[in-house]
């Protein structure tokens, strides 16, 4: 993904969409929504990252028909705010790209139980 910003505060993360909220309207009439991206660590635990969408990026996401389970890469900046006395972080994306599944086939040989080689 080519980064199209000059922010010193930037992040790129790839994961699966774990949840998507409904599109909501702010008091100023502009639409927004949230989604969470999940990443699994090597020890099997999942980490979830909140993504805040509004403006053009929201329009583009809705056109792409992204769904829970899709693998995406998000490039954006970390944004923090306080809510109910707690500091909260979220990602404000500049770009979101859906990762299409790629099937990679290698020329391999398999030895069967009767020890004959079979091409796959």
C-alpha atoms as a PDB file:
ATOM      1  CA  UNK A   1       0.000   0.000   0.000  1.00  0.00           C
ATOM      2  CA  UNK A   2       1.337   3.373  -0.902  1.00  0.00           C
ATOM      3  CA  UNK A   3       1.004   5.869   1.895  1.00  0.00           C
ATOM      4  CA  UNK A   4      -0.481   9.183   0.734  1.00  0.00           C
ATOM      5  CA  UNK A   5       0.173  11.328   3.795  1.00  0.00           C
ATOM      6  CA  UNK A   6       2.982  13.132   5.520  1.00  0.00           C
ATOM      7  CA  UNK A   7       1.888  12.509   9.105  1.00  0.00           C
ATOM      8  CA  UNK A   8       4.555  11.506  11.584  1.00  0.00           C
ATOM      9  CA  UNK A   9       1.801   9.712  13.491  1.00  0.00           C
ATOM     10  CA  UNK A  10       0.926   6.878  11.126  1.00  0.00           C
ATOM     11  CA  UNK A  11       0.077   3.209  11.398  1.00  0.00           C
ATOM     12  CA  UNK A  12      -0.451   0.377   8.930  1.00  0.00           C
ATOM     13  CA  UNK A  13      -2.285  -2.702  10.121  1.00  0.00           C
ATOM     14  CA  UNK A  14      -3.615  -5.808   8.383  1.00  0.00           C
ATOM     15  CA  UNK A  15      -6.282  -8.027   9.891  1.00  0.00           C
ATOM     16  CA  UNK A  16      -9.795  -9.375   9.533  1.00  0.00           C
ATOM     17  CA  UNK A  17     -12.891  -7.270  10.073  1.00  0.00           C
ATOM     18  CA  UNK A  18     -14.309  -8.530  13.378  1.00  0.00           C
ATOM     19  CA  UNK A  19     -17.316  -6.213  13.621  1.00  0.00           C
ATOM     20  CA  UNK A  20     -18.971  -3.301  11.855  1.00  0.00           C
ATOM     21  CA  UNK A  21     -21.430  -0.880  13.402  1.00  0.00           C
ATOM     22  CA  UNK A  22     -24.401   0.623  11.629  1.00  0.00           C
ATOM     23  CA  UNK A  23     -23.829   3.973   9.933  1.00  0.00           C
ATOM     24  CA  UNK A  24     -24.841   6.718  12.378  1.00  0.00           C
ATOM     25  CA  UNK A  25     -25.403  10.443  11.989  1.00  0.00           C
ATOM     26  CA  UNK A  26     -23.606  13.090  14.053  1.00  0.00           C
ATOM     27  CA  UNK A  27     -25.383  16.193  15.324  1.00  0.00           C
ATOM     28  CA  UNK A  28     -23.846  18.123  12.395  1.00  0.00           C
ATOM     29  CA  UNK A  29     -25.558  15.760   9.917  1.00  0.00           C
ATOM     30  CA  UNK A  30     -22.403  13.919   8.824  1.00  0.00           C
ATOM     31  CA  UNK A  31     -22.319  10.113   8.840  1.00  0.00           C
ATOM     32  CA  UNK A  32     -19.826   7.888  10.649  1.00  0.00           C
ATOM     33  CA  UNK A  33     -19.347   4.272  11.690  1.00  0.00           C
ATOM     34  CA  UNK A  34     -16.901   2.036  13.535  1.00  0.00           C
ATOM     35  CA  UNK A  35     -15.351  -1.280  12.670  1.00  0.00           C
ATOM     36  CA  UNK A  36     -12.944  -3.484  14.587  1.00  0.00           C
ATOM     37  CA  UNK A  37     -10.018  -5.308  13.034  1.00  0.00           C
ATOM     38  CA  UNK A  38      -8.797  -8.517  14.655  1.00  0.00           C
ATOM     39  CA  UNK A  39      -5.275  -9.909  14.559  1.00  0.00           C
ATOM     40  CA  UNK A  40      -4.249 -13.241  16.027  1.00  0.00           C
ATOM     41  CA  UNK A  41      -0.926 -13.453  17.822  1.00  0.00           C
ATOM     42  CA  UNK A  42       1.350 -16.470  17.758  1.00  0.00           C
ATOM     43  CA  UNK A  43       0.107 -17.542  21.189  1.00  0.00           C
ATOM     44  CA  UNK A  44      -3.468 -17.704  19.877  1.00  0.00           C
ATOM     45  CA  UNK A  45      -4.780 -14.539  21.528  1.00  0.00           C
ATOM     46  CA  UNK A  46      -6.637 -11.994  19.431  1.00  0.00           C
ATOM     47  CA  UNK A  47      -6.107  -8.244  19.526  1.00  0.00           C
ATOM     48  CA  UNK A  48      -8.847  -5.890  18.350  1.00  0.00           C
ATOM     49  CA  UNK A  49      -8.259  -2.421  16.909  1.00  0.00           C
ATOM     50  CA  UNK A  50     -11.080   0.148  16.588  1.00  0.00           C
ATOM     51  CA  UNK A  51     -11.330   1.976  13.261  1.00  0.00           C
ATOM     52  CA  UNK A  52     -13.351   5.219  13.009  1.00  0.00           C
ATOM     53  CA  UNK A  53     -14.780   5.931   9.546  1.00  0.00           C
ATOM     54  CA  UNK A  54     -16.320   9.135   8.232  1.00  0.00           C
ATOM     55  CA  UNK A  55     -16.275  11.357   5.137  1.00  0.00           C
ATOM     56  CA  UNK A  56     -14.850  10.011   1.884  1.00  0.00           C
ATOM     57  CA  UNK A  57     -13.272   6.946   3.478  1.00  0.00           C
ATOM     58  CA  UNK A  58     -16.709   5.895   4.817  1.00  0.00           C
ATOM     59  CA  UNK A  59     -18.277   6.373   1.379  1.00  0.00           C
ATOM     60  CA  UNK A  60     -15.540   4.260  -0.219  1.00  0.00           C
ATOM     61  CA  UNK A  61     -15.913   1.482   2.372  1.00  0.00           C
ATOM     62  CA  UNK A  62     -19.670   1.346   1.780  1.00  0.00           C
ATOM     63  CA  UNK A  63     -19.120   1.120  -1.998  1.00  0.00           C
ATOM     64  CA  UNK A  64     -16.655  -1.757  -1.541  1.00  0.00           C
ATOM     65  CA  UNK A  65     -19.282  -3.802   0.321  1.00  0.00           C
ATOM     66  CA  UNK A  66     -16.802  -4.893   2.999  1.00  0.00           C
ATOM     67  CA  UNK A  67     -18.119  -7.526   5.393  1.00  0.00           C
ATOM     68  CA  UNK A  68     -17.158  -9.145   8.672  1.00  0.00           C
ATOM     69  CA  UNK A  69     -14.396 -11.663   7.963  1.00  0.00           C
ATOM     70  CA  UNK A  70     -12.821  -9.749   5.052  1.00  0.00           C
ATOM     71  CA  UNK A  71      -9.078  -9.263   5.339  1.00  0.00           C
ATOM     72  CA  UNK A  72      -8.068  -5.613   4.963  1.00  0.00           C
ATOM     73  CA  UNK A  73      -5.070  -3.339   5.345  1.00  0.00           C
ATOM     74  CA  UNK A  74      -5.657   0.042   6.961  1.00  0.00           C
ATOM     75  CA  UNK A  75      -3.266   2.974   6.730  1.00  0.00           C
ATOM     76  CA  UNK A  76      -4.086   5.838   9.050  1.00  0.00           C
ATOM     77  CA  UNK A  77      -3.176   7.728  12.184  1.00  0.00           C
ATOM     78  CA  UNK A  78      -3.713   6.981  15.841  1.00  0.00           C
ATOM     79  CA  UNK A  79      -6.236   9.289  17.452  1.00  0.00           C
ATOM     80  CA  UNK A  80      -6.837   9.469  21.195  1.00  0.00           C
ATOM     81  CA  UNK A  81      -9.666  10.930  23.215  1.00  0.00           C
ATOM     82  CA  UNK A  82     -11.088  10.715  26.713  1.00  0.00           C
ATOM     83  CA  UNK A  83     -14.484   9.189  27.389  1.00  0.00           C
ATOM     84  CA  UNK A  84     -15.921   8.524  30.834  1.00  0.00           C
ATOM     85  CA  UNK A  85     -12.532   9.369  32.348  1.00  0.00           C
ATOM     86  CA  UNK A  86     -10.706   6.741  30.283  1.00  0.00           C
ATOM     87  CA  UNK A  87      -8.147   7.393  27.578  1.00  0.00           C
ATOM     88  CA  UNK A  88      -9.147   5.667  24.340  1.00  0.00           C
ATOM     89  CA  UNK A  89      -7.239   5.077  21.107  1.00  0.00           C
ATOM     90  CA  UNK A  90      -8.723   4.564  17.664  1.00  0.00           C
ATOM     91  CA  UNK A  91      -7.378   4.499  14.126  1.00  0.00           C
ATOM     92  CA  UNK A  92      -8.508   7.211  11.699  1.00  0.00           C
ATOM     93  CA  UNK A  93      -7.800   5.717   8.255  1.00  0.00           C
ATOM     94  CA  UNK A  94      -6.468   7.473   5.179  1.00  0.00           C
ATOM     95  CA  UNK A  95      -6.792   4.336   3.096  1.00  0.00           C
ATOM     96  CA  UNK A  96      -8.377   0.898   3.371  1.00  0.00           C
ATOM     97  CA  UNK A  97      -7.596  -1.921   0.968  1.00  0.00           C
ATOM     98  CA  UNK A  98      -9.350  -5.270   0.789  1.00  0.00           C
ATOM     99  CA  UNK A  99      -6.915  -8.173   0.543  1.00  0.00           C
ATOM    100  CA  UNK A 100      -8.127 -10.733  -1.968  1.00  0.00           C
ATOM    101  CA  UNK A 101      -7.423 -14.370  -1.213  1.00  0.00           C
ATOM    102  CA  UNK A 102      -4.613 -15.775  -3.286  1.00  0.00           C
ATOM    103  CA  UNK A 103      -4.199 -19.467  -3.891  1.00  0.00           C
ATOM    104  CA  UNK A 104      -0.568 -20.495  -4.093  1.00  0.00           C
ATOM    105  CA  UNK A 105       0.169 -23.915  -5.500  1.00  0.00           C
ATOM    106  CA  UNK A 106       3.567 -25.487  -5.393  1.00  0.00           C
ATOM    107  CA  UNK A 107       4.737 -28.428  -7.454  1.00  0.00           C
ATOM    108  CA  UNK A 108       5.002 -31.051  -4.721  1.00  0.00           C
ATOM    109  CA  UNK A 109       5.307 -34.799  -4.520  1.00  0.00           C
ATOM    110  CA  UNK A 110       3.389 -36.886  -1.985  1.00  0.00           C
ATOM    111  CA  UNK A 111       4.432 -40.334  -0.867  1.00  0.00           C
ATOM    112  CA  UNK A 112       1.383 -42.553  -0.297  1.00  0.00           C
ATOM    113  CA  UNK A 113       1.147 -45.344   2.241  1.00  0.00           C
ATOM    114  CA  UNK A 114       2.163 -47.894  -0.432  1.00  0.00           C
ATOM    115  CA  UNK A 115       5.335 -45.829  -1.083  1.00  0.00           C
ATOM    116  CA  UNK A 116       4.448 -44.792  -4.639  1.00  0.00           C
ATOM    117  CA  UNK A 117       5.117 -41.205  -5.602  1.00  0.00           C
ATOM    118  CA  UNK A 118       2.125 -39.209  -6.813  1.00  0.00           C
ATOM    119  CA  UNK A 119       2.226 -35.799  -8.472  1.00  0.00           C
ATOM    120  CA  UNK A 120      -0.226 -33.298  -7.039  1.00  0.00           C
END
